[in-house]
Amino acid sequence: MSKRTTARPTSVPRTVARLLLGAVLVFAGASHLSFARDDFQAQVPEWLPIDDDAVVLASGVVEIALGSSLIALGRWRVAVGLVAAAFFVAIFPGNISQLVTRTSAFGLDTDAKRWLRLPFQPLLVFVALWSTGAWRDRRVVLDRLRRRR
């Protein structure tokens, strides 16, 4: 049995979703660095021992890089999909913090709205994995990493 060394092609719907997710991430990252900076600062958990503005700026740069990579790096799409999914998991505590601390930002000014937002983060994880074929072809990336060691 031969091991695959390349990820399988994705369908048109997956490609469209990947490009759309990339565009959304680039826009969100740019908004971190400009007009929505204060709203994003409101989502940084109080327990995080890093300056809120530094977290927002860094996460904005990461979002722009991830979004650009989703759009442009077709060859690395599986690895980028895994990293994007991990990023969405890593920032989820900010959404929970916003709920627990009852912090209003982005129009989320009631507990019901803040609760309603929470399921969208796992949806983003799913879209990152599905649109890039990352879950389906994760073994290809893991095999490449093992061979490099």
C-alpha atoms as a PDB file:
ATOM      1  CA  MET A   1       0.000   0.000   0.000  1.00  0.00           C
ATOM      2  CA  SER A   2       1.538   3.329  -1.044  1.00  0.00           C
ATOM      3  CA  LYS A   3       1.214   6.429   1.069  1.00  0.00           C
ATOM      4  CA  ARG A   4      -0.113   9.600  -0.481  1.00  0.00           C
ATOM      5  CA  THR A   5       2.458  12.372  -0.699  1.00  0.00           C
ATOM      6  CA  THR A   6       0.114  15.084  -1.907  1.00  0.00           C
ATOM      7  CA  ALA A   7      -3.294  16.263  -0.831  1.00  0.00           C
ATOM      8  CA  ARG A   8      -6.213  15.453  -3.086  1.00  0.00           C
ATOM      9  CA  PRO A   9      -7.805  18.282  -5.085  1.00  0.00           C
ATOM     10  CA  THR A  10     -10.785  19.995  -3.527  1.00  0.00           C
ATOM     11  CA  SER A  11     -14.181  20.649  -5.049  1.00  0.00           C
ATOM     12  CA  VAL A  12     -15.429  24.001  -6.302  1.00  0.00           C
ATOM     13  CA  PRO A  13     -17.617  24.572  -3.189  1.00  0.00           C
ATOM     14  CA  ARG A  14     -14.618  23.875  -0.920  1.00  0.00           C
ATOM     15  CA  THR A  15     -12.415  26.191  -2.960  1.00  0.00           C
ATOM     16  CA  VAL A  16     -15.008  28.971  -2.855  1.00  0.00           C
ATOM     17  CA  ALA A  17     -15.406  28.515   0.916  1.00  0.00           C
ATOM     18  CA  ARG A  18     -11.603  28.605   1.388  1.00  0.00           C
ATOM     19  CA  LEU A  19     -11.273  31.802  -0.639  1.00  0.00           C
ATOM     20  CA  LEU A  20     -14.210  33.398   1.188  1.00  0.00           C
ATOM     21  CA  LEU A  21     -12.785  32.417   4.580  1.00  0.00           C
ATOM     22  CA  GLY A  22      -9.444  33.871   3.508  1.00  0.00           C
ATOM     23  CA  ALA A  23     -11.069  37.153   2.484  1.00  0.00           C
ATOM     24  CA  VAL A  24     -13.003  37.333   5.761  1.00  0.00           C
ATOM     25  CA  LEU A  25      -9.797  36.756   7.727  1.00  0.00           C
ATOM     26  CA  VAL A  26      -7.914  39.456   5.808  1.00  0.00           C
ATOM     27  CA  PHE A  27     -10.770  41.904   6.445  1.00  0.00           C
ATOM     28  CA  ALA A  28     -11.006  40.941  10.130  1.00  0.00           C
ATOM     29  CA  GLY A  29      -7.247  41.275  10.524  1.00  0.00           C
ATOM     30  CA  ALA A  30      -7.264  44.699   8.925  1.00  0.00           C
ATOM     31  CA  SER A  31     -10.101  45.732  11.238  1.00  0.00           C
ATOM     32  CA  HIS A  32      -7.977  44.615  14.221  1.00  0.00           C
ATOM     33  CA  LEU A  33      -5.369  47.118  13.129  1.00  0.00           C
ATOM     34  CA  SER A  34      -7.758  49.978  12.471  1.00  0.00           C
ATOM     35  CA  PHE A  35     -11.434  50.777  12.984  1.00  0.00           C
ATOM     36  CA  ALA A  36     -12.477  47.859  15.271  1.00  0.00           C
ATOM     37  CA  ARG A  37      -9.427  47.859  17.509  1.00  0.00           C
ATOM     38  CA  ASP A  38     -11.346  48.907  20.647  1.00  0.00           C
ATOM     39  CA  ASP A  39     -14.030  46.272  20.109  1.00  0.00           C
ATOM     40  CA  PHE A  40     -11.408  43.550  19.742  1.00  0.00           C
ATOM     41  CA  GLN A  41      -9.645  44.760  22.894  1.00  0.00           C
ATOM     42  CA  ALA A  42     -12.912  44.189  24.764  1.00  0.00           C
ATOM     43  CA  GLN A  43     -12.650  40.495  23.893  1.00  0.00           C
ATOM     44  CA  VAL A  44      -9.169  39.915  25.307  1.00  0.00           C
ATOM     45  CA  PRO A  45      -9.605  37.854  28.485  1.00  0.00           C
ATOM     46  CA  GLU A  46      -8.748  39.742  31.672  1.00  0.00           C
ATOM     47  CA  TRP A  47      -6.609  36.836  32.895  1.00  0.00           C
ATOM     48  CA  LEU A  48      -4.266  37.031  29.892  1.00  0.00           C
ATOM     49  CA  PRO A  49      -1.014  38.613  31.180  1.00  0.00           C
ATOM     50  CA  ILE A  50      -0.337  40.510  27.947  1.00  0.00           C
ATOM     51  CA  ASP A  51      -1.318  44.047  26.992  1.00  0.00           C
ATOM     52  CA  ASP A  52      -4.756  44.009  25.316  1.00  0.00           C
ATOM     53  CA  ASP A  53      -3.620  46.198  22.446  1.00  0.00           C
ATOM     54  CA  ALA A  54      -0.586  43.980  21.773  1.00  0.00           C
ATOM     55  CA  VAL A  55      -2.865  40.918  21.620  1.00  0.00           C
ATOM     56  CA  VAL A  56      -5.226  42.650  19.204  1.00  0.00           C
ATOM     57  CA  LEU A  57      -2.424  43.858  16.954  1.00  0.00           C
ATOM     58  CA  ALA A  58      -0.691  40.457  16.926  1.00  0.00           C
ATOM     59  CA  SER A  59      -3.911  38.569  16.257  1.00  0.00           C
ATOM     60  CA  GLY A  60      -4.716  41.012  13.457  1.00  0.00           C
ATOM     61  CA  VAL A  61      -1.381  40.332  11.784  1.00  0.00           C
ATOM     62  CA  VAL A  62      -1.928  36.575  12.206  1.00  0.00           C
ATOM     63  CA  GLU A  63      -5.412  36.833  10.677  1.00  0.00           C
ATOM     64  CA  ILE A  64      -4.087  38.742   7.669  1.00  0.00           C
ATOM     65  CA  ALA A  65      -1.317  36.161   7.202  1.00  0.00           C
ATOM     66  CA  LEU A  66      -3.737  33.229   7.543  1.00  0.00           C
ATOM     67  CA  GLY A  67      -6.301  34.810   5.244  1.00  0.00           C
ATOM     68  CA  SER A  68      -3.687  35.613   2.620  1.00  0.00           C
ATOM     69  CA  SER A  69      -2.324  32.088   2.890  1.00  0.00           C
ATOM     70  CA  LEU A  70      -5.768  30.561   2.438  1.00  0.00           C
ATOM     71  CA  ILE A  71      -6.169  32.599  -0.726  1.00  0.00           C
ATOM     72  CA  ALA A  72      -2.707  32.240  -2.240  1.00  0.00           C
ATOM     73  CA  LEU A  73      -1.023  29.082  -0.970  1.00  0.00           C
ATOM     74  CA  GLY A  74      -2.931  26.331  -2.707  1.00  0.00           C
ATOM     75  CA  ARG A  75      -0.041  23.881  -2.350  1.00  0.00           C
ATOM     76  CA  TRP A  76       0.036  24.369   1.422  1.00  0.00           C
ATOM     77  CA  ARG A  77      -3.725  24.625   1.887  1.00  0.00           C
ATOM     78  CA  VAL A  78      -3.935  21.539   4.155  1.00  0.00           C
ATOM     79  CA  ALA A  79      -1.281  22.839   6.549  1.00  0.00           C
ATOM     80  CA  VAL A  80      -2.786  26.333   6.469  1.00  0.00           C
ATOM     81  CA  GLY A  81      -6.233  24.843   7.161  1.00  0.00           C
ATOM     82  CA  LEU A  82      -4.884  23.047  10.233  1.00  0.00           C
ATOM     83  CA  VAL A  83      -3.200  26.222  11.471  1.00  0.00           C
ATOM     84  CA  ALA A  84      -6.345  28.308  10.838  1.00  0.00           C
ATOM     85  CA  ALA A  85      -8.473  25.791  12.746  1.00  0.00           C
ATOM     86  CA  ALA A  86      -5.988  25.867  15.645  1.00  0.00           C
ATOM     87  CA  PHE A  87      -6.098  29.670  15.590  1.00  0.00           C
ATOM     88  CA  PHE A  88      -9.896  29.660  15.833  1.00  0.00           C
ATOM     89  CA  VAL A  89      -9.649  27.300  18.811  1.00  0.00           C
ATOM     90  CA  ALA A  90      -6.972  29.488  20.438  1.00  0.00           C
ATOM     91  CA  ILE A  91      -9.076  32.656  20.279  1.00  0.00           C
ATOM     92  CA  PHE A  92     -12.277  31.002  21.525  1.00  0.00           C
ATOM     93  CA  PRO A  93     -11.499  31.899  25.182  1.00  0.00           C
ATOM     94  CA  GLY A  94     -11.923  35.549  24.147  1.00  0.00           C
ATOM     95  CA  ASN A  95     -15.503  34.835  23.113  1.00  0.00           C
ATOM     96  CA  ILE A  96     -16.158  33.015  26.368  1.00  0.00           C
ATOM     97  CA  SER A  97     -14.535  35.839  28.331  1.00  0.00           C
ATOM     98  CA  GLN A  98     -16.799  38.353  26.624  1.00  0.00           C
ATOM     99  CA  LEU A  99     -19.808  36.313  27.764  1.00  0.00           C
ATOM    100  CA  VAL A 100     -18.584  35.732  31.327  1.00  0.00           C
ATOM    101  CA  THR A 101     -17.526  39.345  31.897  1.00  0.00           C
ATOM    102  CA  ARG A 102     -20.626  40.653  30.108  1.00  0.00           C
ATOM    103  CA  THR A 103     -18.497  42.929  27.972  1.00  0.00           C
ATOM    104  CA  SER A 104     -20.343  44.689  25.172  1.00  0.00           C
ATOM    105  CA  ALA A 105     -18.556  44.875  21.822  1.00  0.00           C
ATOM    106  CA  PHE A 106     -19.576  44.403  18.181  1.00  0.00           C
ATOM    107  CA  GLY A 107     -23.222  44.929  19.114  1.00  0.00           C
ATOM    108  CA  LEU A 108     -23.142  41.949  21.475  1.00  0.00           C
ATOM    109  CA  ASP A 109     -24.766  43.863  24.299  1.00  0.00           C
ATOM    110  CA  THR A 110     -26.886  41.127  25.889  1.00  0.00           C
ATOM    111  CA  ASP A 111     -26.073  37.710  27.292  1.00  0.00           C
ATOM    112  CA  ALA A 112     -28.370  36.143  24.703  1.00  0.00           C
ATOM    113  CA  LYS A 113     -26.403  37.715  21.846  1.00  0.00           C
ATOM    114  CA  ARG A 114     -23.091  36.692  23.416  1.00  0.00           C
ATOM    115  CA  TRP A 115     -24.358  33.106  23.852  1.00  0.00           C
ATOM    116  CA  LEU A 116     -25.640  33.056  20.284  1.00  0.00           C
ATOM    117  CA  ARG A 117     -22.197  33.978  19.010  1.00  0.00           C
ATOM    118  CA  LEU A 118     -20.390  31.050  20.637  1.00  0.00           C
ATOM    119  CA  PRO A 119     -21.448  28.328  18.132  1.00  0.00           C
ATOM    120  CA  PHE A 120     -19.952  30.336  15.278  1.00  0.00           C
ATOM    121  CA  GLN A 121     -16.410  29.650  16.481  1.00  0.00           C
ATOM    122  CA  PRO A 122     -16.710  25.853  16.062  1.00  0.00           C
ATOM    123  CA  LEU A 123     -18.315  26.586  12.682  1.00  0.00           C
ATOM    124  CA  LEU A 124     -15.188  28.532  11.686  1.00  0.00           C
ATOM    125  CA  VAL A 125     -13.031  25.575  12.780  1.00  0.00           C
ATOM    126  CA  PHE A 126     -15.165  23.287  10.630  1.00  0.00           C
ATOM    127  CA  VAL A 127     -14.987  25.596   7.589  1.00  0.00           C
ATOM    128  CA  ALA A 128     -11.195  25.885   7.918  1.00  0.00           C
ATOM    129  CA  LEU A 129     -10.818  22.098   8.016  1.00  0.00           C
ATOM    130  CA  TRP A 130     -13.453  21.299   5.392  1.00  0.00           C
ATOM    131  CA  SER A 131     -12.646  23.991   2.834  1.00  0.00           C
ATOM    132  CA  THR A 132      -8.943  23.151   2.762  1.00  0.00           C
ATOM    133  CA  GLY A 133      -9.391  19.380   2.896  1.00  0.00           C
ATOM    134  CA  ALA A 134      -7.271  19.534   6.056  1.00  0.00           C
ATOM    135  CA  TRP A 135      -9.233  16.961   8.022  1.00  0.00           C
ATOM    136  CA  ARG A 136      -9.486  14.606   5.064  1.00  0.00           C
ATOM    137  CA  ASP A 137      -5.798  14.913   4.099  1.00  0.00           C
ATOM    138  CA  ARG A 138      -4.205  15.606   7.501  1.00  0.00           C
ATOM    139  CA  ARG A 139      -2.092  12.452   7.244  1.00  0.00           C
ATOM    140  CA  VAL A 140      -0.297  13.887   4.203  1.00  0.00           C
ATOM    141  CA  VAL A 141       0.942  16.825   6.295  1.00  0.00           C
ATOM    142  CA  LEU A 142       1.813  14.628   9.265  1.00  0.00           C
ATOM    143  CA  ASP A 143       3.764  12.238   7.016  1.00  0.00           C
ATOM    144  CA  ARG A 144       5.709  15.171   5.523  1.00  0.00           C
ATOM    145  CA  LEU A 145       6.584  16.428   8.998  1.00  0.00           C
ATOM    146  CA  ARG A 146       7.731  12.990  10.114  1.00  0.00           C
ATOM    147  CA  ARG A 147       9.996  12.607   7.074  1.00  0.00           C
ATOM    148  CA  ARG A 148      11.674  15.956   7.768  1.00  0.00           C
ATOM    149  CA  ARG A 149      12.781  14.890  11.239  1.00  0.00           C
END
